[in-house]
Amino acid sequence: APHIPLEAPEEDVRKYASHIEGPRSKYAAMVSVMDEGVGKVVRAMRTSGLMENGMMVFTSDNGAYHGSQGSNFPLRGGKSSFLEGGVRVLSFVNSPLLRKAGYTNTNLH
């Protein structure tokens, strides 16, 4: 996940600067660059055949830090907090080996 210090290539920051003001445009660029990197990993796994017998797990260790440009809304708290915004994070697992597709579990905290 994007992390401080907020750093992104200027050309990516410019993509968002017209409609996202201030430092959040840099944060948006960081998310975009990370997404492109994940796409490269997925393509490489598919091309090499690793995806056929592999599993991708994406998770985070904590919610956004209040001093960065991330947001935990509507949850209260953030990184270094025991409130929901500090401990509840998004995660997902993707694999052709999974028998149940499209399953969502909202009980994982």
N, C-alpha and C. Protein backbone atom coordinates (compact mmCIF):
# COMPACT_ATOMS: atom_id res chain seq x y z
N ALA A 1 0.84 -1.19 0.00
CA ALA A 1 0.00 0.00 0.00
C ALA A 1 0.88 1.25 0.00
N PRO A 2 0.37 2.33 -0.50
CA PRO A 2 1.14 3.57 -0.46
C PRO A 2 1.53 3.92 0.96
N HIS A 3 2.72 4.43 1.11
CA HIS A 3 3.28 4.67 2.43
C HIS A 3 4.04 5.98 2.40
N ILE A 4 4.13 6.63 3.57
CA ILE A 4 4.92 7.85 3.61
C ILE A 4 6.40 7.47 3.61
N PRO A 5 7.25 8.24 2.99
CA PRO A 5 7.00 9.55 2.39
C PRO A 5 6.22 9.40 1.08
N LEU A 6 5.35 10.38 0.79
CA LEU A 6 4.57 10.36 -0.43
C LEU A 6 5.45 10.73 -1.60
N GLU A 7 5.73 9.75 -2.46
CA GLU A 7 6.60 9.96 -3.61
C GLU A 7 6.01 9.23 -4.81
N ALA A 8 5.93 9.93 -5.93
CA ALA A 8 5.43 9.33 -7.16
C ALA A 8 6.04 10.08 -8.34
N PRO A 9 6.15 9.41 -9.48
CA PRO A 9 6.66 10.11 -10.67
C PRO A 9 5.77 11.31 -11.01
N GLU A 10 6.38 12.41 -11.35
CA GLU A 10 5.65 13.66 -11.61
C GLU A 10 4.60 13.49 -12.69
N GLU A 11 4.90 12.71 -13.74
CA GLU A 11 3.91 12.53 -14.81
C GLU A 11 2.65 11.83 -14.29
N ASP A 12 2.79 10.95 -13.30
CA ASP A 12 1.63 10.30 -12.70
C ASP A 12 0.86 11.25 -11.80
N VAL A 13 1.57 12.10 -11.08
CA VAL A 13 0.91 13.08 -10.21
C VAL A 13 0.09 14.04 -11.07
N ARG A 14 0.60 14.44 -12.22
CA ARG A 14 -0.11 15.37 -13.10
C ARG A 14 -1.44 14.79 -13.59
N LYS A 15 -1.53 13.48 -13.73
CA LYS A 15 -2.78 12.84 -14.17
C LYS A 15 -3.93 13.17 -13.22
N TYR A 16 -3.62 13.35 -11.96
CA TYR A 16 -4.65 13.55 -10.94
C TYR A 16 -4.76 14.99 -10.46
N ALA A 17 -3.77 15.80 -10.73
CA ALA A 17 -3.70 17.17 -10.18
C ALA A 17 -4.87 18.05 -10.62
N SER A 18 -5.45 17.79 -11.79
CA SER A 18 -6.54 18.65 -12.27
C SER A 18 -7.84 18.42 -11.51
N HIS A 19 -8.02 17.27 -10.92
CA HIS A 19 -9.28 17.01 -10.21
C HIS A 19 -9.11 16.54 -8.77
N ILE A 20 -7.88 16.40 -8.30
CA ILE A 20 -7.63 16.09 -6.89
C ILE A 20 -6.61 17.10 -6.40
N GLU A 21 -7.00 17.91 -5.43
CA GLU A 21 -6.15 19.00 -4.98
C GLU A 21 -5.12 18.56 -3.94
N GLY A 22 -4.02 19.27 -3.91
CA GLY A 22 -3.01 19.11 -2.86
C GLY A 22 -2.31 17.77 -2.87
N PRO A 23 -1.83 17.36 -1.69
CA PRO A 23 -1.03 16.14 -1.58
C PRO A 23 -1.80 14.86 -1.95
N ARG A 24 -3.13 14.91 -1.93
CA ARG A 24 -3.89 13.71 -2.29
C ARG A 24 -3.67 13.31 -3.75
N SER A 25 -3.30 14.27 -4.61
CA SER A 25 -3.01 13.91 -6.00
C SER A 25 -1.77 13.02 -6.06
N LYS A 26 -0.80 13.28 -5.19
CA LYS A 26 0.39 12.43 -5.13
C LYS A 26 0.03 11.05 -4.58
N TYR A 27 -0.84 11.02 -3.58
CA TYR A 27 -1.30 9.74 -3.02
C TYR A 27 -2.04 8.93 -4.09
N ALA A 28 -2.91 9.60 -4.86
CA ALA A 28 -3.64 8.92 -5.93
C ALA A 28 -2.67 8.37 -6.97
N ALA A 29 -1.63 9.13 -7.28
CA ALA A 29 -0.61 8.66 -8.22
C ALA A 29 0.10 7.43 -7.68
N MET A 30 0.38 7.42 -6.38
CA MET A 30 1.04 6.27 -5.76
C MET A 30 0.17 5.02 -5.88
N VAL A 31 -1.13 5.17 -5.66
CA VAL A 31 -2.06 4.04 -5.79
C VAL A 31 -2.06 3.54 -7.23
N SER A 32 -2.07 4.46 -8.18
CA SER A 32 -2.08 4.11 -9.60
C SER A 32 -0.81 3.35 -9.99
N VAL A 33 0.34 3.85 -9.55
CA VAL A 33 1.62 3.19 -9.86
C VAL A 33 1.67 1.80 -9.22
N MET A 34 1.16 1.68 -7.99
CA MET A 34 1.12 0.38 -7.34
C MET A 34 0.23 -0.58 -8.12
N ASP A 35 -0.92 -0.10 -8.60
CA ASP A 35 -1.84 -0.92 -9.38
C ASP A 35 -1.17 -1.42 -10.66
N GLU A 36 -0.43 -0.54 -11.32
CA GLU A 36 0.30 -0.95 -12.52
C GLU A 36 1.32 -2.04 -12.20
N GLY A 37 2.00 -1.91 -11.06
CA GLY A 37 2.98 -2.92 -10.65
C GLY A 37 2.33 -4.26 -10.37
N VAL A 38 1.19 -4.24 -9.71
CA VAL A 38 0.47 -5.49 -9.45
C VAL A 38 0.05 -6.13 -10.78
N GLY A 39 -0.39 -5.31 -11.72
CA GLY A 39 -0.75 -5.83 -13.03
C GLY A 39 0.41 -6.52 -13.71
N LYS A 40 1.61 -5.97 -13.58
CA LYS A 40 2.80 -6.58 -14.16
C LYS A 40 3.09 -7.94 -13.52
N VAL A 41 2.93 -8.02 -12.21
CA VAL A 41 3.15 -9.29 -11.51
C VAL A 41 2.14 -10.34 -11.98
N VAL A 42 0.87 -9.95 -12.07
CA VAL A 42 -0.18 -10.88 -12.52
C VAL A 42 0.11 -11.37 -13.94
N ARG A 43 0.47 -10.45 -14.85
CA ARG A 43 0.78 -10.85 -16.23
C ARG A 43 1.97 -11.81 -16.26
N ALA A 44 3.00 -11.53 -15.47
CA ALA A 44 4.17 -12.41 -15.43
C ALA A 44 3.80 -13.79 -14.89
N MET A 45 2.95 -13.83 -13.87
CA MET A 45 2.53 -15.12 -13.33
C MET A 45 1.72 -15.91 -14.35
N ARG A 46 0.85 -15.23 -15.09
CA ARG A 46 0.04 -15.91 -16.12
C ARG A 46 0.93 -16.40 -17.25
N THR A 47 1.84 -15.54 -17.72
CA THR A 47 2.72 -15.89 -18.83
C THR A 47 3.61 -17.08 -18.49
N SER A 48 4.10 -17.12 -17.27
CA SER A 48 5.01 -18.21 -16.86
C SER A 48 4.28 -19.47 -16.43
N GLY A 49 2.95 -19.39 -16.30
CA GLY A 49 2.17 -20.56 -15.86
C GLY A 49 2.07 -20.70 -14.35
N LEU A 50 2.68 -19.78 -13.61
CA LEU A 50 2.64 -19.86 -12.15
C LEU A 50 1.23 -19.66 -11.59
N MET A 51 0.40 -18.91 -12.30
CA MET A 51 -0.93 -18.61 -11.80
C MET A 51 -1.82 -19.85 -11.77
N GLU A 52 -1.54 -20.81 -12.65
CA GLU A 52 -2.35 -22.02 -12.72
C GLU A 52 -2.34 -22.81 -11.42
N ASN A 53 -1.24 -22.75 -10.71
CA ASN A 53 -1.11 -23.52 -9.47
C ASN A 53 -0.66 -22.60 -8.33
N GLY A 54 -1.02 -21.32 -8.42
CA GLY A 54 -0.58 -20.35 -7.43
C GLY A 54 -1.74 -19.63 -6.78
N MET A 55 -1.39 -18.79 -5.84
CA MET A 55 -2.39 -18.04 -5.10
C MET A 55 -1.82 -16.65 -4.81
N MET A 56 -2.64 -15.62 -5.03
CA MET A 56 -2.24 -14.26 -4.71
C MET A 56 -3.03 -13.81 -3.50
N VAL A 57 -2.34 -13.31 -2.49
CA VAL A 57 -2.97 -12.80 -1.28
C VAL A 57 -2.56 -11.35 -1.11
N PHE A 58 -3.54 -10.47 -1.02
CA PHE A 58 -3.28 -9.05 -0.79
C PHE A 58 -3.90 -8.68 0.54
N THR A 59 -3.13 -8.03 1.38
CA THR A 59 -3.63 -7.59 2.67
C THR A 59 -2.81 -6.40 3.14
N SER A 60 -3.20 -5.82 4.24
CA SER A 60 -2.49 -4.70 4.83
C SER A 60 -2.28 -4.98 6.30
N ASP A 61 -1.33 -4.32 6.90
CA ASP A 61 -1.07 -4.55 8.32
C ASP A 61 -1.85 -3.59 9.22
N ASN A 62 -2.34 -2.49 8.67
CA ASN A 62 -3.08 -1.53 9.49
C ASN A 62 -3.79 -0.53 8.59
N GLY A 63 -4.66 0.26 9.18
CA GLY A 63 -5.33 1.32 8.44
C GLY A 63 -4.39 2.47 8.16
N ALA A 64 -4.91 3.48 7.47
CA ALA A 64 -4.10 4.64 7.09
C ALA A 64 -3.67 5.45 8.31
N TYR A 65 -2.51 6.04 8.20
CA TYR A 65 -1.97 6.94 9.22
C TYR A 65 -2.61 8.31 9.02
N HIS A 66 -3.06 8.93 10.10
CA HIS A 66 -3.73 10.21 9.99
C HIS A 66 -2.85 11.31 9.40
N GLY A 67 -1.55 11.20 9.51
CA GLY A 67 -0.65 12.21 8.97
C GLY A 67 -0.41 12.08 7.48
N SER A 68 -0.84 10.95 6.88
CA SER A 68 -0.68 10.77 5.44
C SER A 68 -1.97 11.20 4.75
N GLN A 69 -2.10 10.91 3.50
CA GLN A 69 -3.28 11.32 2.75
C GLN A 69 -4.31 10.22 2.62
N GLY A 70 -4.11 9.09 3.28
CA GLY A 70 -5.07 8.00 3.24
C GLY A 70 -6.28 8.32 4.10
N SER A 71 -7.32 7.51 3.96
CA SER A 71 -8.53 7.72 4.72
C SER A 71 -9.10 6.38 5.17
N ASN A 72 -9.55 6.32 6.39
CA ASN A 72 -10.20 5.13 6.92
C ASN A 72 -11.71 5.32 7.03
N PHE A 73 -12.21 6.43 6.52
CA PHE A 73 -13.63 6.75 6.63
C PHE A 73 -14.47 5.62 6.07
N PRO A 74 -15.51 5.20 6.73
CA PRO A 74 -16.19 5.81 7.87
C PRO A 74 -15.71 5.28 9.22
N LEU A 75 -14.63 4.52 9.22
CA LEU A 75 -14.15 3.95 10.48
C LEU A 75 -13.38 4.99 11.29
N ARG A 76 -13.42 4.87 12.61
CA ARG A 76 -12.67 5.77 13.49
C ARG A 76 -11.27 5.23 13.69
N GLY A 77 -10.32 6.13 13.90
CA GLY A 77 -8.95 5.72 14.22
C GLY A 77 -8.14 5.42 12.98
N GLY A 78 -6.89 5.05 13.20
CA GLY A 78 -5.98 4.74 12.10
C GLY A 78 -4.78 3.99 12.62
N LYS A 79 -3.71 4.00 11.86
CA LYS A 79 -2.48 3.31 12.24
C LYS A 79 -2.10 3.66 13.68
N SER A 80 -1.65 2.68 14.43
CA SER A 80 -1.27 2.80 15.84
C SER A 80 -2.47 2.98 16.75
N SER A 81 -3.65 2.65 16.28
CA SER A 81 -4.87 2.77 17.06
C SER A 81 -5.55 1.41 17.11
N PHE A 82 -6.21 1.13 18.21
CA PHE A 82 -6.97 -0.11 18.31
C PHE A 82 -8.43 0.08 17.89
N LEU A 83 -8.77 1.28 17.42
CA LEU A 83 -10.10 1.52 16.87
C LEU A 83 -10.19 0.84 15.50
N GLU A 84 -11.41 0.69 15.00
CA GLU A 84 -11.62 -0.04 13.75
C GLU A 84 -10.75 0.44 12.60
N GLY A 85 -10.56 1.76 12.47
CA GLY A 85 -9.76 2.30 11.38
C GLY A 85 -8.30 1.90 11.44
N GLY A 86 -7.85 1.43 12.58
CA GLY A 86 -6.46 1.00 12.73
C GLY A 86 -6.26 -0.48 12.51
N VAL A 87 -7.31 -1.28 12.68
CA VAL A 87 -7.13 -2.73 12.64
C VAL A 87 -7.93 -3.45 11.56
N ARG A 88 -8.98 -2.83 11.05
CA ARG A 88 -9.76 -3.46 9.97
C ARG A 88 -9.20 -3.01 8.63
N VAL A 89 -8.81 -3.96 7.83
CA VAL A 89 -8.23 -3.64 6.53
C VAL A 89 -8.85 -4.53 5.45
N LEU A 90 -8.75 -4.08 4.22
CA LEU A 90 -9.22 -4.88 3.09
C LEU A 90 -8.19 -5.95 2.76
N SER A 91 -8.68 -7.07 2.32
CA SER A 91 -7.83 -8.17 1.88
C SER A 91 -8.55 -8.93 0.78
N PHE A 92 -7.80 -9.63 -0.04
CA PHE A 92 -8.43 -10.55 -0.97
C PHE A 92 -7.46 -11.64 -1.37
N VAL A 93 -8.04 -12.75 -1.79
CA VAL A 93 -7.28 -13.91 -2.24
C VAL A 93 -7.77 -14.23 -3.65
N ASN A 94 -6.85 -14.49 -4.56
CA ASN A 94 -7.22 -14.82 -5.93
C ASN A 94 -6.42 -16.04 -6.35
N SER A 95 -7.13 -17.06 -6.82
CA SER A 95 -6.46 -18.26 -7.29
C SER A 95 -7.44 -19.10 -8.10
N PRO A 96 -6.97 -19.71 -9.19
CA PRO A 96 -7.84 -20.64 -9.91
C PRO A 96 -8.08 -21.92 -9.10
N LEU A 97 -7.34 -22.10 -8.02
CA LEU A 97 -7.50 -23.28 -7.17
C LEU A 97 -8.68 -23.15 -6.21
N LEU A 98 -9.20 -21.95 -6.04
CA LEU A 98 -10.32 -21.74 -5.13
C LEU A 98 -11.58 -22.35 -5.74
N ARG A 99 -12.31 -23.10 -4.94
CA ARG A 99 -13.51 -23.76 -5.44
C ARG A 99 -14.71 -22.84 -5.47
N LYS A 100 -14.73 -21.87 -4.58
CA LYS A 100 -15.89 -21.00 -4.45
C LYS A 100 -15.53 -19.62 -5.00
N ALA A 101 -16.05 -19.25 -6.15
CA ALA A 101 -15.74 -17.96 -6.76
C ALA A 101 -16.75 -16.91 -6.34
N GLY A 102 -16.29 -15.66 -6.24
CA GLY A 102 -17.19 -14.56 -5.93
C GLY A 102 -17.66 -14.53 -4.50
N TYR A 103 -16.96 -15.19 -3.62
CA TYR A 103 -17.36 -15.27 -2.21
C TYR A 103 -16.82 -14.08 -1.45
N THR A 104 -17.64 -13.48 -0.63
CA THR A 104 -17.22 -12.36 0.22
C THR A 104 -17.48 -12.74 1.66
N ASN A 105 -16.48 -12.59 2.51
CA ASN A 105 -16.62 -12.84 3.94
C ASN A 105 -16.41 -11.53 4.64
N THR A 106 -17.43 -11.03 5.30
CA THR A 106 -17.33 -9.77 6.01
C THR A 106 -17.05 -9.97 7.50
N ASN A 107 -16.80 -11.19 7.91
CA ASN A 107 -16.57 -11.48 9.32
C ASN A 107 -15.10 -11.45 9.71
N LEU A 108 -14.22 -11.25 8.76
CA LEU A 108 -12.80 -11.20 9.07
C LEU A 108 -12.45 -9.83 9.58
N HIS A 109 -11.94 -9.73 10.79
CA HIS A 109 -11.57 -8.44 11.38
C HIS A 109 -10.12 -8.46 11.79
